[in-house]
Amino acid sequence: MPASPRPERLRSGMKTLASQIDRELRVGEWKHCVVYERELRRLWPVNEKNREAKITQFAKKYGFRLRFYSEGMCAIFDKWPRPKRRL
């Protein structure tokens, strides 16, 4: 069973991942960003309890939305839709 990343490494890794997602959403061809399992497990080991909830929490903290998650495959992030303006 792989050990969980140390807290300082975890924070640094989360900031790095958030920057990558943000860059992809700003300049990428699509309005979403796919993060594959090999990248996810650097921060959240596959067998980690409440893994999907922790990934969702990460997304919210950095202003993203977890649109899709499949254990062992990928997570798809996008930006929250802007609220519709009332006239």
N, C-alpha and C. Protein backbone atom coordinates (compact mmCIF):
# COMPACT_ATOMS: atom_id res chain seq x y z
N MET A 1 0.85 -1.19 0.00
CA MET A 1 0.00 0.00 0.00
C MET A 1 0.89 1.25 0.00
N PRO A 2 0.81 2.11 -1.03
CA PRO A 2 1.64 3.30 -1.09
C PRO A 2 1.25 4.30 0.00
N ALA A 3 2.24 4.98 0.53
CA ALA A 3 1.99 5.98 1.57
C ALA A 3 1.37 7.22 0.95
N SER A 4 0.60 7.93 1.76
CA SER A 4 0.04 9.20 1.32
C SER A 4 1.16 10.23 1.27
N PRO A 5 1.06 11.20 0.35
CA PRO A 5 2.09 12.24 0.27
C PRO A 5 2.15 13.05 1.57
N ARG A 6 3.32 13.57 1.90
CA ARG A 6 3.48 14.43 3.07
C ARG A 6 2.67 15.70 2.86
N PRO A 7 2.23 16.33 3.97
CA PRO A 7 1.37 17.53 3.84
C PRO A 7 1.95 18.63 2.95
N GLU A 8 3.23 18.97 3.11
CA GLU A 8 3.81 20.05 2.29
C GLU A 8 3.91 19.65 0.82
N ARG A 9 4.22 18.38 0.57
CA ARG A 9 4.27 17.89 -0.81
C ARG A 9 2.86 17.85 -1.41
N LEU A 10 1.90 17.49 -0.58
CA LEU A 10 0.51 17.44 -1.03
C LEU A 10 0.03 18.83 -1.43
N ARG A 11 0.30 19.84 -0.59
CA ARG A 11 -0.12 21.22 -0.92
C ARG A 11 0.55 21.70 -2.20
N SER A 12 1.84 21.45 -2.31
CA SER A 12 2.58 21.86 -3.50
C SER A 12 2.03 21.15 -4.75
N GLY A 13 1.78 19.85 -4.62
CA GLY A 13 1.24 19.09 -5.74
C GLY A 13 -0.15 19.56 -6.14
N MET A 14 -0.96 19.92 -5.15
CA MET A 14 -2.31 20.42 -5.45
C MET A 14 -2.25 21.75 -6.17
N LYS A 15 -1.35 22.63 -5.74
CA LYS A 15 -1.20 23.92 -6.42
C LYS A 15 -0.74 23.72 -7.87
N THR A 16 0.18 22.81 -8.05
CA THR A 16 0.68 22.52 -9.39
C THR A 16 -0.43 21.97 -10.27
N LEU A 17 -1.19 21.01 -9.75
CA LEU A 17 -2.30 20.43 -10.52
C LEU A 17 -3.35 21.49 -10.82
N ALA A 18 -3.67 22.34 -9.84
CA ALA A 18 -4.66 23.40 -10.05
C ALA A 18 -4.20 24.35 -11.15
N SER A 19 -2.91 24.67 -11.18
CA SER A 19 -2.37 25.55 -12.22
C SER A 19 -2.48 24.90 -13.60
N GLN A 20 -2.20 23.60 -13.66
CA GLN A 20 -2.30 22.89 -14.93
C GLN A 20 -3.75 22.86 -15.43
N ILE A 21 -4.68 22.60 -14.52
CA ILE A 21 -6.10 22.57 -14.90
C ILE A 21 -6.54 23.95 -15.37
N ASP A 22 -6.17 24.98 -14.61
CA ASP A 22 -6.55 26.34 -14.96
C ASP A 22 -6.01 26.73 -16.33
N ARG A 23 -4.75 26.42 -16.59
CA ARG A 23 -4.15 26.74 -17.88
C ARG A 23 -4.88 26.02 -19.02
N GLU A 24 -5.18 24.75 -18.81
CA GLU A 24 -5.89 23.98 -19.85
C GLU A 24 -7.29 24.56 -20.11
N LEU A 25 -7.97 24.99 -19.05
CA LEU A 25 -9.31 25.56 -19.24
C LEU A 25 -9.26 26.90 -19.94
N ARG A 26 -8.19 27.66 -19.73
CA ARG A 26 -8.07 28.98 -20.36
C ARG A 26 -7.63 28.90 -21.82
N VAL A 27 -6.65 28.05 -22.12
CA VAL A 27 -6.08 28.05 -23.46
C VAL A 27 -6.36 26.78 -24.26
N GLY A 28 -6.92 25.79 -23.62
CA GLY A 28 -7.19 24.53 -24.31
C GLY A 28 -8.34 24.63 -25.30
N GLU A 29 -8.43 23.62 -26.10
CA GLU A 29 -9.46 23.57 -27.13
C GLU A 29 -10.85 23.31 -26.54
N TRP A 30 -10.90 22.64 -25.39
CA TRP A 30 -12.16 22.24 -24.77
C TRP A 30 -12.45 23.06 -23.52
N LYS A 31 -13.67 22.99 -23.07
CA LYS A 31 -14.07 23.71 -21.86
C LYS A 31 -13.98 22.81 -20.62
N HIS A 32 -13.20 21.75 -20.74
CA HIS A 32 -12.97 20.85 -19.61
C HIS A 32 -11.53 20.37 -19.65
N CYS A 33 -11.09 19.78 -18.55
CA CYS A 33 -9.73 19.27 -18.45
C CYS A 33 -9.78 17.86 -17.86
N VAL A 34 -9.16 16.92 -18.54
CA VAL A 34 -9.10 15.54 -18.07
C VAL A 34 -7.78 15.33 -17.33
N VAL A 35 -7.88 14.75 -16.13
CA VAL A 35 -6.70 14.38 -15.37
C VAL A 35 -6.76 12.86 -15.20
N TYR A 36 -5.74 12.20 -15.72
CA TYR A 36 -5.74 10.73 -15.72
C TYR A 36 -5.23 10.16 -14.41
N GLU A 37 -5.53 8.90 -14.21
CA GLU A 37 -5.24 8.20 -12.96
C GLU A 37 -3.78 8.35 -12.51
N ARG A 38 -2.84 8.23 -13.43
CA ARG A 38 -1.43 8.31 -13.03
C ARG A 38 -1.10 9.64 -12.36
N GLU A 39 -1.81 10.71 -12.74
CA GLU A 39 -1.62 12.02 -12.11
C GLU A 39 -2.40 12.11 -10.80
N LEU A 40 -3.62 11.58 -10.79
CA LEU A 40 -4.44 11.63 -9.58
C LEU A 40 -3.79 10.89 -8.42
N ARG A 41 -3.21 9.74 -8.69
CA ARG A 41 -2.68 8.93 -7.60
C ARG A 41 -1.43 9.53 -6.96
N ARG A 42 -0.83 10.52 -7.58
CA ARG A 42 0.28 11.24 -6.94
C ARG A 42 -0.19 11.98 -5.70
N LEU A 43 -1.46 12.42 -5.73
CA LEU A 43 -2.01 13.18 -4.60
C LEU A 43 -2.99 12.36 -3.77
N TRP A 44 -3.74 11.49 -4.43
CA TRP A 44 -4.75 10.68 -3.76
C TRP A 44 -4.56 9.22 -4.14
N PRO A 45 -3.92 8.43 -3.26
CA PRO A 45 -3.73 7.00 -3.57
C PRO A 45 -5.07 6.33 -3.91
N VAL A 46 -5.04 5.36 -4.80
CA VAL A 46 -6.26 4.71 -5.29
C VAL A 46 -7.10 4.15 -4.14
N ASN A 47 -6.46 3.60 -3.13
CA ASN A 47 -7.21 2.98 -2.03
C ASN A 47 -7.53 3.95 -0.89
N GLU A 48 -7.33 5.25 -1.10
CA GLU A 48 -7.60 6.25 -0.06
C GLU A 48 -9.09 6.34 0.22
N LYS A 49 -9.42 6.35 1.49
CA LYS A 49 -10.82 6.46 1.91
C LYS A 49 -11.38 7.82 1.48
N ASN A 50 -12.60 7.83 0.99
CA ASN A 50 -13.28 9.07 0.56
C ASN A 50 -12.51 9.82 -0.53
N ARG A 51 -11.88 9.09 -1.40
CA ARG A 51 -11.05 9.68 -2.44
C ARG A 51 -11.83 10.65 -3.34
N GLU A 52 -12.98 10.23 -3.82
CA GLU A 52 -13.76 11.11 -4.70
C GLU A 52 -14.17 12.39 -3.98
N ALA A 53 -14.54 12.28 -2.72
CA ALA A 53 -14.92 13.46 -1.94
C ALA A 53 -13.73 14.40 -1.79
N LYS A 54 -12.54 13.84 -1.61
CA LYS A 54 -11.34 14.67 -1.47
C LYS A 54 -10.99 15.37 -2.79
N ILE A 55 -11.20 14.69 -3.88
CA ILE A 55 -10.95 15.30 -5.19
C ILE A 55 -11.98 16.40 -5.44
N THR A 56 -13.22 16.16 -5.05
CA THR A 56 -14.27 17.19 -5.17
C THR A 56 -13.92 18.41 -4.32
N GLN A 57 -13.44 18.17 -3.11
CA GLN A 57 -13.04 19.26 -2.21
C GLN A 57 -11.90 20.08 -2.83
N PHE A 58 -10.93 19.39 -3.42
CA PHE A 58 -9.83 20.07 -4.12
C PHE A 58 -10.40 20.97 -5.22
N ALA A 59 -11.30 20.42 -6.02
CA ALA A 59 -11.88 21.18 -7.14
C ALA A 59 -12.55 22.46 -6.63
N LYS A 60 -13.36 22.33 -5.60
CA LYS A 60 -14.06 23.50 -5.06
C LYS A 60 -13.08 24.53 -4.52
N LYS A 61 -12.05 24.07 -3.82
CA LYS A 61 -11.07 24.98 -3.23
C LYS A 61 -10.40 25.84 -4.30
N TYR A 62 -10.15 25.27 -5.47
CA TYR A 62 -9.45 25.99 -6.52
C TYR A 62 -10.38 26.55 -7.60
N GLY A 63 -11.69 26.53 -7.35
CA GLY A 63 -12.64 27.17 -8.26
C GLY A 63 -13.06 26.33 -9.45
N PHE A 64 -12.89 25.01 -9.34
CA PHE A 64 -13.30 24.11 -10.41
C PHE A 64 -14.49 23.28 -9.95
N ARG A 65 -15.00 22.52 -10.87
CA ARG A 65 -16.07 21.57 -10.57
C ARG A 65 -15.63 20.21 -11.08
N LEU A 66 -15.81 19.19 -10.27
CA LEU A 66 -15.54 17.82 -10.69
C LEU A 66 -16.77 17.35 -11.45
N ARG A 67 -16.65 17.24 -12.77
CA ARG A 67 -17.79 16.87 -13.61
C ARG A 67 -17.96 15.37 -13.73
N PHE A 68 -16.84 14.64 -13.67
CA PHE A 68 -16.89 13.19 -13.87
C PHE A 68 -15.71 12.58 -13.15
N TYR A 69 -15.94 11.43 -12.53
CA TYR A 69 -14.86 10.70 -11.87
C TYR A 69 -15.10 9.22 -12.07
N SER A 70 -14.06 8.53 -12.50
CA SER A 70 -14.12 7.08 -12.64
C SER A 70 -12.85 6.53 -11.99
N GLU A 71 -13.03 5.80 -10.91
CA GLU A 71 -11.89 5.26 -10.17
C GLU A 71 -11.02 4.41 -11.10
N GLY A 72 -9.73 4.69 -11.07
CA GLY A 72 -8.79 3.95 -11.90
C GLY A 72 -8.66 4.49 -13.31
N MET A 73 -9.47 5.48 -13.68
CA MET A 73 -9.43 5.99 -15.04
C MET A 73 -9.07 7.48 -15.08
N CYS A 74 -9.99 8.35 -14.65
CA CYS A 74 -9.73 9.79 -14.77
C CYS A 74 -10.74 10.60 -13.96
N ALA A 75 -10.44 11.89 -13.91
CA ALA A 75 -11.37 12.89 -13.38
C ALA A 75 -11.45 13.99 -14.43
N ILE A 76 -12.64 14.53 -14.61
CA ILE A 76 -12.82 15.62 -15.56
C ILE A 76 -13.30 16.85 -14.79
N PHE A 77 -12.58 17.94 -14.98
CA PHE A 77 -12.87 19.20 -14.29
C PHE A 77 -13.32 20.25 -15.30
N ASP A 78 -14.15 21.17 -14.83
CA ASP A 78 -14.48 22.36 -15.60
C ASP A 78 -14.71 23.49 -14.62
N LYS A 79 -15.09 24.64 -15.13
CA LYS A 79 -15.41 25.78 -14.28
C LYS A 79 -16.90 25.76 -13.97
N TRP A 80 -17.27 26.27 -12.81
CA TRP A 80 -18.69 26.39 -12.49
C TRP A 80 -19.32 27.35 -13.48
N PRO A 81 -20.54 27.07 -13.93
CA PRO A 81 -21.19 28.02 -14.85
C PRO A 81 -21.48 29.33 -14.13
N ARG A 82 -21.41 30.39 -14.87
CA ARG A 82 -21.74 31.70 -14.27
C ARG A 82 -23.24 31.77 -14.02
N PRO A 83 -23.62 32.39 -12.90
CA PRO A 83 -25.06 32.53 -12.65
C PRO A 83 -25.70 33.40 -13.71
N LYS A 84 -26.91 33.04 -14.08
CA LYS A 84 -27.63 33.85 -15.07
C LYS A 84 -28.04 35.16 -14.42
N ARG A 85 -27.85 36.21 -15.18
CA ARG A 85 -28.19 37.54 -14.66
C ARG A 85 -29.67 37.80 -14.84
N ARG A 86 -30.23 38.37 -13.84
CA ARG A 86 -31.65 38.78 -13.94
C ARG A 86 -31.71 40.17 -14.54
N LEU A 87 -32.70 40.35 -15.38
CA LEU A 87 -32.87 41.68 -16.01
C LEU A 87 -33.75 42.54 -15.18
